[in-house]
Amino acid sequence: MDSRGKRMSRRYYVDIDLALEGEDRMDEAVLSLPGD
């Protein structure tokens, strides 16, 4: 669900380029995208 409690489905991804820049960029690297 989102912050308002609305139900939804999500998939999670890692931006490869950002992740390879190190731990400091990991928060930016992890993405939440729609379930489809």
PDB file of all heavy atoms in Angstrom:
ATOM      1  N   MET A   1       0.855  -1.190   0.000  1.00  0.00           N
ATOM      2  CA  MET A   1       0.000   0.000   0.000  1.00  0.00           C
ATOM      3  C   MET A   1       0.886   1.234   0.000  1.00  0.00           C
ATOM      4  O   MET A   1       2.075   1.175   0.340  1.00  0.00           O
ATOM      5  CB  MET A   1      -0.903  -0.002   1.227  1.00  0.00           C
ATOM      6  CG  MET A   1      -0.161   0.114   2.553  1.00  0.00           C
ATOM      7  SD  MET A   1      -1.208  -0.047   4.013  1.00  0.00           S
ATOM      8  CE  MET A   1      -1.454  -1.823   4.037  1.00  0.00           C
ATOM      9  N   ASP A   2       0.284   2.366  -0.400  1.00  0.00           N
ATOM     10  CA  ASP A   2       1.042   3.611  -0.338  1.00  0.00           C
ATOM     11  C   ASP A   2       0.877   4.228   1.046  1.00  0.00           C
ATOM     12  O   ASP A   2       0.260   3.640   1.943  1.00  0.00           O
ATOM     13  CB  ASP A   2       0.619   4.575  -1.450  1.00  0.00           C
ATOM     14  CG  ASP A   2      -0.843   5.006  -1.351  1.00  0.00           C
ATOM     15  OD1 ASP A   2      -1.444   4.834  -0.274  1.00  0.00           O
ATOM     16  OD2 ASP A   2      -1.378   5.511  -2.358  1.00  0.00           O
ATOM     17  N   SER A   3       1.425   5.432   1.223  1.00  0.00           N
ATOM     18  CA  SER A   3       1.413   6.060   2.539  1.00  0.00           C
ATOM     19  C   SER A   3       0.015   6.422   3.015  1.00  0.00           C
ATOM     20  O   SER A   3      -0.216   6.642   4.206  1.00  0.00           O
ATOM     21  CB  SER A   3       2.284   7.330   2.521  1.00  0.00           C
ATOM     22  OG  SER A   3       1.800   8.239   1.546  1.00  0.00           O
ATOM     23  N   ARG A   4      -0.950   6.470   2.082  1.00  0.00           N
ATOM     24  CA  ARG A   4      -2.333   6.773   2.443  1.00  0.00           C
ATOM     25  C   ARG A   4      -3.167   5.520   2.665  1.00  0.00           C
ATOM     26  O   ARG A   4      -4.360   5.598   2.922  1.00  0.00           O
ATOM     27  CB  ARG A   4      -2.980   7.628   1.352  1.00  0.00           C
ATOM     28  CG  ARG A   4      -2.325   8.997   1.148  1.00  0.00           C
ATOM     29  CD  ARG A   4      -2.804   9.660  -0.120  1.00  0.00           C
ATOM     30  NE  ARG A   4      -2.413   8.862  -1.296  1.00  0.00           N
ATOM     31  CZ  ARG A   4      -2.729   9.186  -2.538  1.00  0.00           C
ATOM     32  NH1 ARG A   4      -3.443  10.280  -2.788  1.00  0.00           N
ATOM     33  NH2 ARG A   4      -2.335   8.434  -3.552  1.00  0.00           N
ATOM     34  N   GLY A   5      -2.528   4.361   2.532  1.00  0.00           N
ATOM     35  CA  GLY A   5      -3.239   3.117   2.752  1.00  0.00           C
ATOM     36  C   GLY A   5      -3.889   2.546   1.515  1.00  0.00           C
ATOM     37  O   GLY A   5      -4.608   1.538   1.601  1.00  0.00           O
ATOM     38  N   LYS A   6      -3.660   3.138   0.355  1.00  0.00           N
ATOM     39  CA  LYS A   6      -4.248   2.633  -0.884  1.00  0.00           C
ATOM     40  C   LYS A   6      -3.494   1.385  -1.345  1.00  0.00           C
ATOM     41  O   LYS A   6      -2.270   1.381  -1.460  1.00  0.00           O
ATOM     42  CB  LYS A   6      -4.176   3.705  -1.972  1.00  0.00           C
ATOM     43  CG  LYS A   6      -4.799   3.279  -3.300  1.00  0.00           C
ATOM     44  CD  LYS A   6      -4.679   4.385  -4.338  1.00  0.00           C
ATOM     45  CE  LYS A   6      -5.261   3.948  -5.666  1.00  0.00           C
ATOM     46  NZ  LYS A   6      -5.123   5.010  -6.700  1.00  0.00           N
ATOM     47  N   ARG A   7      -4.240   0.324  -1.606  1.00  0.00           N
ATOM     48  CA  ARG A   7      -3.611  -0.930  -2.016  1.00  0.00           C
ATOM     49  C   ARG A   7      -3.005  -0.816  -3.405  1.00  0.00           C
ATOM     50  O   ARG A   7      -3.556  -0.142  -4.290  1.00  0.00           O
ATOM     51  CB  ARG A   7      -4.638  -2.072  -2.028  1.00  0.00           C
ATOM     52  CG  ARG A   7      -5.345  -2.322  -0.721  1.00  0.00           C
ATOM     53  CD  ARG A   7      -4.428  -2.666   0.419  1.00  0.00           C
ATOM     54  NE  ARG A   7      -3.526  -3.771   0.130  1.00  0.00           N
ATOM     55  CZ  ARG A   7      -2.670  -4.278   1.003  1.00  0.00           C
ATOM     56  NH1 ARG A   7      -2.588  -3.754   2.233  1.00  0.00           N
ATOM     57  NH2 ARG A   7      -1.892  -5.291   0.686  1.00  0.00           N
ATOM     58  N   MET A   8      -1.855  -1.497  -3.590  1.00  0.00           N
ATOM     59  CA  MET A   8      -1.202  -1.510  -4.900  1.00  0.00           C
ATOM     60  C   MET A   8      -0.203  -2.654  -4.932  1.00  0.00           C
ATOM     61  O   MET A   8       0.150  -3.231  -3.897  1.00  0.00           O
ATOM     62  CB  MET A   8      -0.503  -0.180  -5.171  1.00  0.00           C
ATOM     63  CG  MET A   8       0.572   0.188  -4.164  1.00  0.00           C
ATOM     64  SD  MET A   8       1.292   1.798  -4.536  1.00  0.00           S
ATOM     65  CE  MET A   8       2.560   1.910  -3.296  1.00  0.00           C
ATOM     66  N   SER A   9       0.245  -3.005  -6.111  1.00  0.00           N
ATOM     67  CA  SER A   9       1.287  -4.033  -6.264  1.00  0.00           C
ATOM     68  C   SER A   9       2.541  -3.369  -6.815  1.00  0.00           C
ATOM     69  O   SER A   9       2.464  -2.478  -7.667  1.00  0.00           O
ATOM     70  CB  SER A   9       0.812  -5.150  -7.203  1.00  0.00           C
ATOM     71  OG  SER A   9       0.547  -4.637  -8.498  1.00  0.00           O
ATOM     72  N   ARG A  10       3.705  -3.828  -6.319  1.00  0.00           N
ATOM     73  CA  ARG A  10       4.975  -3.214  -6.711  1.00  0.00           C
ATOM     74  C   ARG A  10       6.021  -4.290  -6.954  1.00  0.00           C
ATOM     75  O   ARG A  10       5.990  -5.387  -6.367  1.00  0.00           O
ATOM     76  CB  ARG A  10       5.490  -2.265  -5.617  1.00  0.00           C
ATOM     77  CG  ARG A  10       4.523  -1.203  -5.181  1.00  0.00           C
ATOM     78  CD  ARG A  10       4.148  -0.235  -6.275  1.00  0.00           C
ATOM     79  NE  ARG A  10       5.186   0.759  -6.533  1.00  0.00           N
ATOM     80  CZ  ARG A  10       5.062   1.724  -7.452  1.00  0.00           C
ATOM     81  NH1 ARG A  10       3.973   1.796  -8.208  1.00  0.00           N
ATOM     82  NH2 ARG A  10       6.034   2.587  -7.627  1.00  0.00           N
ATOM     83  N   ARG A  11       6.969  -3.939  -7.834  1.00  0.00           N
ATOM     84  CA  ARG A  11       8.194  -4.716  -8.023  1.00  0.00           C
ATOM     85  C   ARG A  11       9.365  -3.815  -7.667  1.00  0.00           C
ATOM     86  O   ARG A  11       9.285  -2.592  -7.786  1.00  0.00           O
ATOM     87  CB  ARG A  11       8.340  -5.152  -9.480  1.00  0.00           C
ATOM     88  CG  ARG A  11       7.413  -6.269  -9.935  1.00  0.00           C
ATOM     89  CD  ARG A  11       7.748  -6.625 -11.367  1.00  0.00           C
ATOM     90  NE  ARG A  11       6.851  -7.620 -11.929  1.00  0.00           N
ATOM     91  CZ  ARG A  11       6.900  -8.035 -13.191  1.00  0.00           C
ATOM     92  NH1 ARG A  11       7.800  -7.523 -14.023  1.00  0.00           N
ATOM     93  NH2 ARG A  11       6.054  -8.945 -13.619  1.00  0.00           N
ATOM     94  N   TYR A  12      10.465  -4.445  -7.285  1.00  0.00           N
ATOM     95  CA  TYR A  12      11.621  -3.666  -6.836  1.00  0.00           C
ATOM     96  C   TYR A  12      12.841  -3.996  -7.690  1.00  0.00           C
ATOM     97  O   TYR A  12      13.075  -5.158  -8.058  1.00  0.00           O
ATOM     98  CB  TYR A  12      11.868  -3.923  -5.346  1.00  0.00           C
ATOM     99  CG  TYR A  12      10.673  -3.496  -4.520  1.00  0.00           C
ATOM    100  CD1 TYR A  12       9.636  -4.392  -4.248  1.00  0.00           C
ATOM    101  CD2 TYR A  12      10.541  -2.180  -4.080  1.00  0.00           C
ATOM    102  CE1 TYR A  12       8.520  -3.995  -3.535  1.00  0.00           C
ATOM    103  CE2 TYR A  12       9.427  -1.775  -3.370  1.00  0.00           C
ATOM    104  CZ  TYR A  12       8.418  -2.682  -3.104  1.00  0.00           C
ATOM    105  OH  TYR A  12       7.304  -2.272  -2.412  1.00  0.00           O
ATOM    106  N   TYR A  13      13.595  -2.938  -7.975  1.00  0.00           N
ATOM    107  CA  TYR A  13      14.738  -3.040  -8.882  1.00  0.00           C
ATOM    108  C   TYR A  13      15.947  -2.324  -8.298  1.00  0.00           C
ATOM    109  O   TYR A  13      15.822  -1.445  -7.443  1.00  0.00           O
ATOM    110  CB  TYR A  13      14.396  -2.427 -10.243  1.00  0.00           C
ATOM    111  CG  TYR A  13      13.406  -3.251 -11.039  1.00  0.00           C
ATOM    112  CD1 TYR A  13      12.031  -3.064 -10.882  1.00  0.00           C
ATOM    113  CD2 TYR A  13      13.848  -4.208 -11.948  1.00  0.00           C
ATOM    114  CE1 TYR A  13      11.121  -3.823 -11.603  1.00  0.00           C
ATOM    115  CE2 TYR A  13      12.939  -4.970 -12.678  1.00  0.00           C
ATOM    116  CZ  TYR A  13      11.587  -4.772 -12.497  1.00  0.00           C
ATOM    117  OH  TYR A  13      10.696  -5.537 -13.216  1.00  0.00           O
ATOM    118  N   VAL A  14      17.134  -2.702  -8.826  1.00  0.00           N
ATOM    119  CA  VAL A  14      18.373  -2.019  -8.481  1.00  0.00           C
ATOM    120  C   VAL A  14      18.927  -1.394  -9.755  1.00  0.00           C
ATOM    121  O   VAL A  14      19.117  -2.088 -10.775  1.00  0.00           O
ATOM    122  CB  VAL A  14      19.427  -2.992  -7.914  1.00  0.00           C
ATOM    123  CG1 VAL A  14      20.656  -2.211  -7.444  1.00  0.00           C
ATOM    124  CG2 VAL A  14      18.854  -3.822  -6.790  1.00  0.00           C
ATOM    125  N   ASP A  15      19.172  -0.103  -9.707  1.00  0.00           N
ATOM    126  CA  ASP A  15      19.841   0.572 -10.817  1.00  0.00           C
ATOM    127  C   ASP A  15      21.315   0.156 -10.769  1.00  0.00           C
ATOM    128  O   ASP A  15      22.042   0.493  -9.831  1.00  0.00           O
ATOM    129  CB  ASP A  15      19.693   2.084 -10.663  1.00  0.00           C
ATOM    130  CG  ASP A  15      20.267   2.851 -11.843  1.00  0.00           C
ATOM    131  OD1 ASP A  15      21.449   2.640 -12.171  1.00  0.00           O
ATOM    132  OD2 ASP A  15      19.534   3.665 -12.434  1.00  0.00           O
ATOM    133  N   ILE A  16      21.735  -0.599 -11.758  1.00  0.00           N
ATOM    134  CA  ILE A  16      23.068  -1.208 -11.742  1.00  0.00           C
ATOM    135  C   ILE A  16      24.160  -0.149 -11.654  1.00  0.00           C
ATOM    136  O   ILE A  16      25.104  -0.257 -10.845  1.00  0.00           O
ATOM    137  CB  ILE A  16      23.264  -2.101 -12.977  1.00  0.00           C
ATOM    138  CG1 ILE A  16      22.281  -3.281 -12.907  1.00  0.00           C
ATOM    139  CG2 ILE A  16      24.701  -2.602 -13.077  1.00  0.00           C
ATOM    140  CD1 ILE A  16      22.261  -4.152 -14.150  1.00  0.00           C
ATOM    141  N   ASP A  17      24.068   0.887 -12.457  1.00  0.00           N
ATOM    142  CA  ASP A  17      25.105   1.921 -12.477  1.00  0.00           C
ATOM    143  C   ASP A  17      25.223   2.608 -11.117  1.00  0.00           C
ATOM    144  O   ASP A  17      26.322   2.819 -10.599  1.00  0.00           O
ATOM    145  CB  ASP A  17      24.801   2.952 -13.564  1.00  0.00           C
ATOM    146  CG  ASP A  17      24.999   2.390 -14.962  1.00  0.00           C
ATOM    147  OD1 ASP A  17      25.749   1.395 -15.104  1.00  0.00           O
ATOM    148  OD2 ASP A  17      24.381   2.910 -15.912  1.00  0.00           O
ATOM    149  N   LEU A  18      24.092   2.995 -10.542  1.00  0.00           N
ATOM    150  CA  LEU A  18      24.124   3.681  -9.249  1.00  0.00           C
ATOM    151  C   LEU A  18      24.649   2.765  -8.148  1.00  0.00           C
ATOM    152  O   LEU A  18      25.415   3.199  -7.275  1.00  0.00           O
ATOM    153  CB  LEU A  18      22.730   4.187  -8.885  1.00  0.00           C
ATOM    154  CG  LEU A  18      22.205   5.400  -9.661  1.00  0.00           C
ATOM    155  CD1 LEU A  18      20.767   5.713  -9.268  1.00  0.00           C
ATOM    156  CD2 LEU A  18      23.098   6.620  -9.414  1.00  0.00           C
ATOM    157  N   ALA A  19      24.232   1.512  -8.164  1.00  0.00           N
ATOM    158  CA  ALA A  19      24.670   0.577  -7.136  1.00  0.00           C
ATOM    159  C   ALA A  19      26.174   0.391  -7.148  1.00  0.00           C
ATOM    160  O   ALA A  19      26.802   0.237  -6.092  1.00  0.00           O
ATOM    161  CB  ALA A  19      23.970  -0.775  -7.316  1.00  0.00           C
ATOM    162  N   LEU A  20      26.783   0.414  -8.333  1.00  0.00           N
ATOM    163  CA  LEU A  20      28.226   0.223  -8.442  1.00  0.00           C
ATOM    164  C   LEU A  20      29.016   1.442  -7.984  1.00  0.00           C
ATOM    165  O   LEU A  20      30.232   1.364  -7.813  1.00  0.00           O
ATOM    166  CB  LEU A  20      28.598  -0.137  -9.880  1.00  0.00           C
ATOM    167  CG  LEU A  20      28.151  -1.546 -10.323  1.00  0.00           C
ATOM    168  CD1 LEU A  20      28.461  -1.757 -11.801  1.00  0.00           C
ATOM    169  CD2 LEU A  20      28.820  -2.620  -9.469  1.00  0.00           C
ATOM    170  N   GLU A  21      28.331   2.566  -7.762  1.00  0.00           N
ATOM    171  CA  GLU A  21      29.014   3.764  -7.266  1.00  0.00           C
ATOM    172  C   GLU A  21      29.259   3.695  -5.757  1.00  0.00           C
ATOM    173  O   GLU A  21      29.923   4.556  -5.201  1.00  0.00           O
ATOM    174  CB  GLU A  21      28.209   5.017  -7.613  1.00  0.00           C
ATOM    175  CG  GLU A  21      28.189   5.311  -9.104  1.00  0.00           C
ATOM    176  CD  GLU A  21      27.476   6.616  -9.415  1.00  0.00           C
ATOM    177  OE1 GLU A  21      27.422   7.491  -8.507  1.00  0.00           O
ATOM    178  OE2 GLU A  21      26.974   6.767 -10.536  1.00  0.00           O
ATOM    179  N   GLY A  22      28.690   2.683  -5.107  1.00  0.00           N
ATOM    180  CA  GLY A  22      28.992   2.494  -3.692  1.00  0.00           C
ATOM    181  C   GLY A  22      27.777   2.609  -2.795  1.00  0.00           C
ATOM    182  O   GLY A  22      26.660   2.941  -3.225  1.00  0.00           O
ATOM    183  N   GLU A  23      28.014   2.329  -1.524  1.00  0.00           N
ATOM    184  CA  GLU A  23      26.933   2.277  -0.529  1.00  0.00           C
ATOM    185  C   GLU A  23      26.177   3.586  -0.431  1.00  0.00           C
ATOM    186  O   GLU A  23      24.963   3.602  -0.201  1.00  0.00           O
ATOM    187  CB  GLU A  23      27.521   1.897   0.832  1.00  0.00           C
ATOM    188  CG  GLU A  23      26.500   1.790   1.952  1.00  0.00           C
ATOM    189  CD  GLU A  23      27.144   1.476   3.290  1.00  0.00           C
ATOM    190  OE1 GLU A  23      28.116   0.709   3.325  1.00  0.00           O
ATOM    191  OE2 GLU A  23      26.663   2.032   4.308  1.00  0.00           O
ATOM    192  N   ASP A  24      26.872   4.723  -0.591  1.00  0.00           N
ATOM    193  CA  ASP A  24      26.220   6.020  -0.436  1.00  0.00           C
ATOM    194  C   ASP A  24      25.123   6.257  -1.468  1.00  0.00           C
ATOM    195  O   ASP A  24      24.216   7.054  -1.236  1.00  0.00           O
ATOM    196  CB  ASP A  24      27.250   7.148  -0.528  1.00  0.00           C
ATOM    197  CG  ASP A  24      28.195   7.154   0.660  1.00  0.00           C
ATOM    198  OD1 ASP A  24      27.851   6.515   1.676  1.00  0.00           O
ATOM    199  OD2 ASP A  24      29.261   7.786   0.569  1.00  0.00           O
ATOM    200  N   ARG A  25      25.205   5.563  -2.606  1.00  0.00           N
ATOM    201  CA  ARG A  25      24.198   5.756  -3.657  1.00  0.00           C
ATOM    202  C   ARG A  25      23.134   4.659  -3.657  1.00  0.00           C
ATOM    203  O   ARG A  25      22.247   4.653  -4.509  1.00  0.00           O
ATOM    204  CB  ARG A  25      24.874   5.777  -5.047  1.00  0.00           C
ATOM    205  CG  ARG A  25      25.971   6.820  -5.232  1.00  0.00           C
ATOM    206  CD  ARG A  25      25.426   8.240  -5.076  1.00  0.00           C
ATOM    207  NE  ARG A  25      24.376   8.559  -6.017  1.00  0.00           N
ATOM    208  CZ  ARG A  25      24.583   9.002  -7.271  1.00  0.00           C
ATOM    209  NH1 ARG A  25      25.829   9.138  -7.715  1.00  0.00           N
ATOM    210  NH2 ARG A  25      23.575   9.303  -8.061  1.00  0.00           N
ATOM    211  N   MET A  26      23.210   3.748  -2.668  1.00  0.00           N
ATOM    212  CA  MET A  26      22.320   2.591  -2.707  1.00  0.00           C
ATOM    213  C   MET A  26      20.858   2.974  -2.505  1.00  0.00           C
ATOM    214  O   MET A  26      19.964   2.366  -3.091  1.00  0.00           O
ATOM    215  CB  MET A  26      22.754   1.570  -1.648  1.00  0.00           C
ATOM    216  CG  MET A  26      22.233   0.164  -1.909  1.00  0.00           C
ATOM    217  SD  MET A  26      22.814  -0.509  -3.493  1.00  0.00           S
ATOM    218  CE  MET A  26      24.522  -0.919  -3.063  1.00  0.00           C
ATOM    219  N   ASP A  27      20.608   3.988  -1.683  1.00  0.00           N
ATOM    220  CA  ASP A  27      19.226   4.412  -1.475  1.00  0.00           C
ATOM    221  C   ASP A  27      18.610   4.885  -2.788  1.00  0.00           C
ATOM    222  O   ASP A  27      17.446   4.568  -3.094  1.00  0.00           O
ATOM    223  CB  ASP A  27      19.176   5.531  -0.433  1.00  0.00           C
ATOM    224  CG  ASP A  27      17.771   5.797   0.075  1.00  0.00           C
ATOM    225  OD1 ASP A  27      16.842   5.097  -0.360  1.00  0.00           O
ATOM    226  OD2 ASP A  27      17.581   6.696   0.913  1.00  0.00           O
ATOM    227  N   GLU A  28      19.390   5.619  -3.585  1.00  0.00           N
ATOM    228  CA  GLU A  28      18.897   6.067  -4.888  1.00  0.00           C
ATOM    229  C   GLU A  28      18.772   4.908  -5.869  1.00  0.00           C
ATOM    230  O   GLU A  28      17.918   4.920  -6.761  1.00  0.00           O
ATOM    231  CB  GLU A  28      19.862   7.098  -5.493  1.00  0.00           C
ATOM    232  CG  GLU A  28      20.029   8.370  -4.682  1.00  0.00           C
ATOM    233  CD  GLU A  28      21.126   9.242  -5.283  1.00  0.00           C
ATOM    234  OE1 GLU A  28      20.945   9.692  -6.437  1.00  0.00           O
ATOM    235  OE2 GLU A  28      22.167   9.432  -4.617  1.00  0.00           O
ATOM    236  N   ALA A  29      19.604   3.899  -5.674  1.00  0.00           N
ATOM    237  CA  ALA A  29      19.657   2.803  -6.638  1.00  0.00           C
ATOM    238  C   ALA A  29      18.449   1.868  -6.545  1.00  0.00           C
ATOM    239  O   ALA A  29      18.068   1.247  -7.537  1.00  0.00           O
ATOM    240  CB  ALA A  29      20.943   1.992  -6.439  1.00  0.00           C
ATOM    241  N   VAL A  30      17.867   1.756  -5.363  1.00  0.00           N
ATOM    242  CA  VAL A  30      16.739   0.831  -5.187  1.00  0.00           C
ATOM    243  C   VAL A  30      15.445   1.535  -5.576  1.00  0.00           C
ATOM    244  O   VAL A  30      15.092   2.567  -5.008  1.00  0.00           O
ATOM    245  CB  VAL A  30      16.671   0.327  -3.734  1.00  0.00           C
ATOM    246  CG1 VAL A  30      15.440  -0.555  -3.536  1.00  0.00           C
ATOM    247  CG2 VAL A  30      17.943  -0.444  -3.385  1.00  0.00           C
ATOM    248  N   LEU A  31      14.746   0.967  -6.550  1.00  0.00           N
ATOM    249  CA  LEU A  31      13.546   1.581  -7.116  1.00  0.00           C
ATOM    250  C   LEU A  31      12.320   0.706  -6.889  1.00  0.00           C
ATOM    251  O   LEU A  31      12.390  -0.522  -6.934  1.00  0.00           O
ATOM    252  CB  LEU A  31      13.715   1.806  -8.615  1.00  0.00           C
ATOM    253  CG  LEU A  31      14.932   2.625  -9.069  1.00  0.00           C
ATOM    254  CD1 LEU A  31      14.982   2.674 -10.588  1.00  0.00           C
ATOM    255  CD2 LEU A  31      14.882   4.033  -8.496  1.00  0.00           C
ATOM    256  N   SER A  32      11.195   1.374  -6.675  1.00  0.00           N
ATOM    257  CA  SER A  32       9.899   0.704  -6.591  1.00  0.00           C
ATOM    258  C   SER A  32       9.112   1.066  -7.838  1.00  0.00           C
ATOM    259  O   SER A  32       8.898   2.248  -8.132  1.00  0.00           O
ATOM    260  CB  SER A  32       9.137   1.157  -5.345  1.00  0.00           C
ATOM    261  OG  SER A  32       7.796   0.730  -5.398  1.00  0.00           O
ATOM    262  N   LEU A  33       8.676   0.047  -8.582  1.00  0.00           N
ATOM    263  CA  LEU A  33       7.929   0.267  -9.824  1.00  0.00           C
ATOM    264  C   LEU A  33       6.615  -0.512  -9.783  1.00  0.00           C
ATOM    265  O   LEU A  33       6.460  -1.443  -8.979  1.00  0.00           O
ATOM    266  CB  LEU A  33       8.761  -0.178 -11.026  1.00  0.00           C
ATOM    267  CG  LEU A  33      10.075   0.590 -11.257  1.00  0.00           C
ATOM    268  CD1 LEU A  33      10.816   0.015 -12.448  1.00  0.00           C
ATOM    269  CD2 LEU A  33       9.800   2.076 -11.474  1.00  0.00           C
ATOM    270  N   PRO A  34       5.652  -0.150 -10.614  1.00  0.00           N
ATOM    271  CA  PRO A  34       4.374  -0.868 -10.624  1.00  0.00           C
ATOM    272  C   PRO A  34       4.549  -2.367 -10.839  1.00  0.00           C
ATOM    273  O   PRO A  34       5.518  -2.827 -11.463  1.00  0.00           O
ATOM    274  CB  PRO A  34       3.617  -0.216 -11.780  1.00  0.00           C
ATOM    275  CG  PRO A  34       4.197   1.161 -11.874  1.00  0.00           C
ATOM    276  CD  PRO A  34       5.650   0.997 -11.546  1.00  0.00           C
ATOM    277  N   GLY A  35       3.611  -3.135 -10.338  1.00  0.00           N
ATOM    278  CA  GLY A  35       3.700  -4.583 -10.397  1.00  0.00           C
ATOM    279  C   GLY A  35       3.767  -5.152 -11.800  1.00  0.00           C
ATOM    280  O   GLY A  35       4.338  -6.230 -12.010  1.00  0.00           O
ATOM    281  N   ASP A  36       3.175  -4.438 -12.763  1.00  0.00           N
ATOM    282  CA  ASP A  36       3.244  -4.928 -14.150  1.00  0.00           C
ATOM    283  C   ASP A  36       4.498  -4.465 -14.865  1.00  0.00           C
ATOM    284  O   ASP A  36       4.706  -4.775 -16.051  1.00  0.00           O
ATOM    285  CB  ASP A  36       1.997  -4.521 -14.935  1.00  0.00           C
ATOM    286  CG  ASP A  36       1.847  -3.001 -15.081  1.00  0.00           C
ATOM    287  OD1 ASP A  36       2.718  -2.245 -14.570  1.00  0.00           O
ATOM    288  OD2 ASP A  36       0.862  -2.560 -15.699  1.00  0.00           O
TER     289      ASP A  36
END
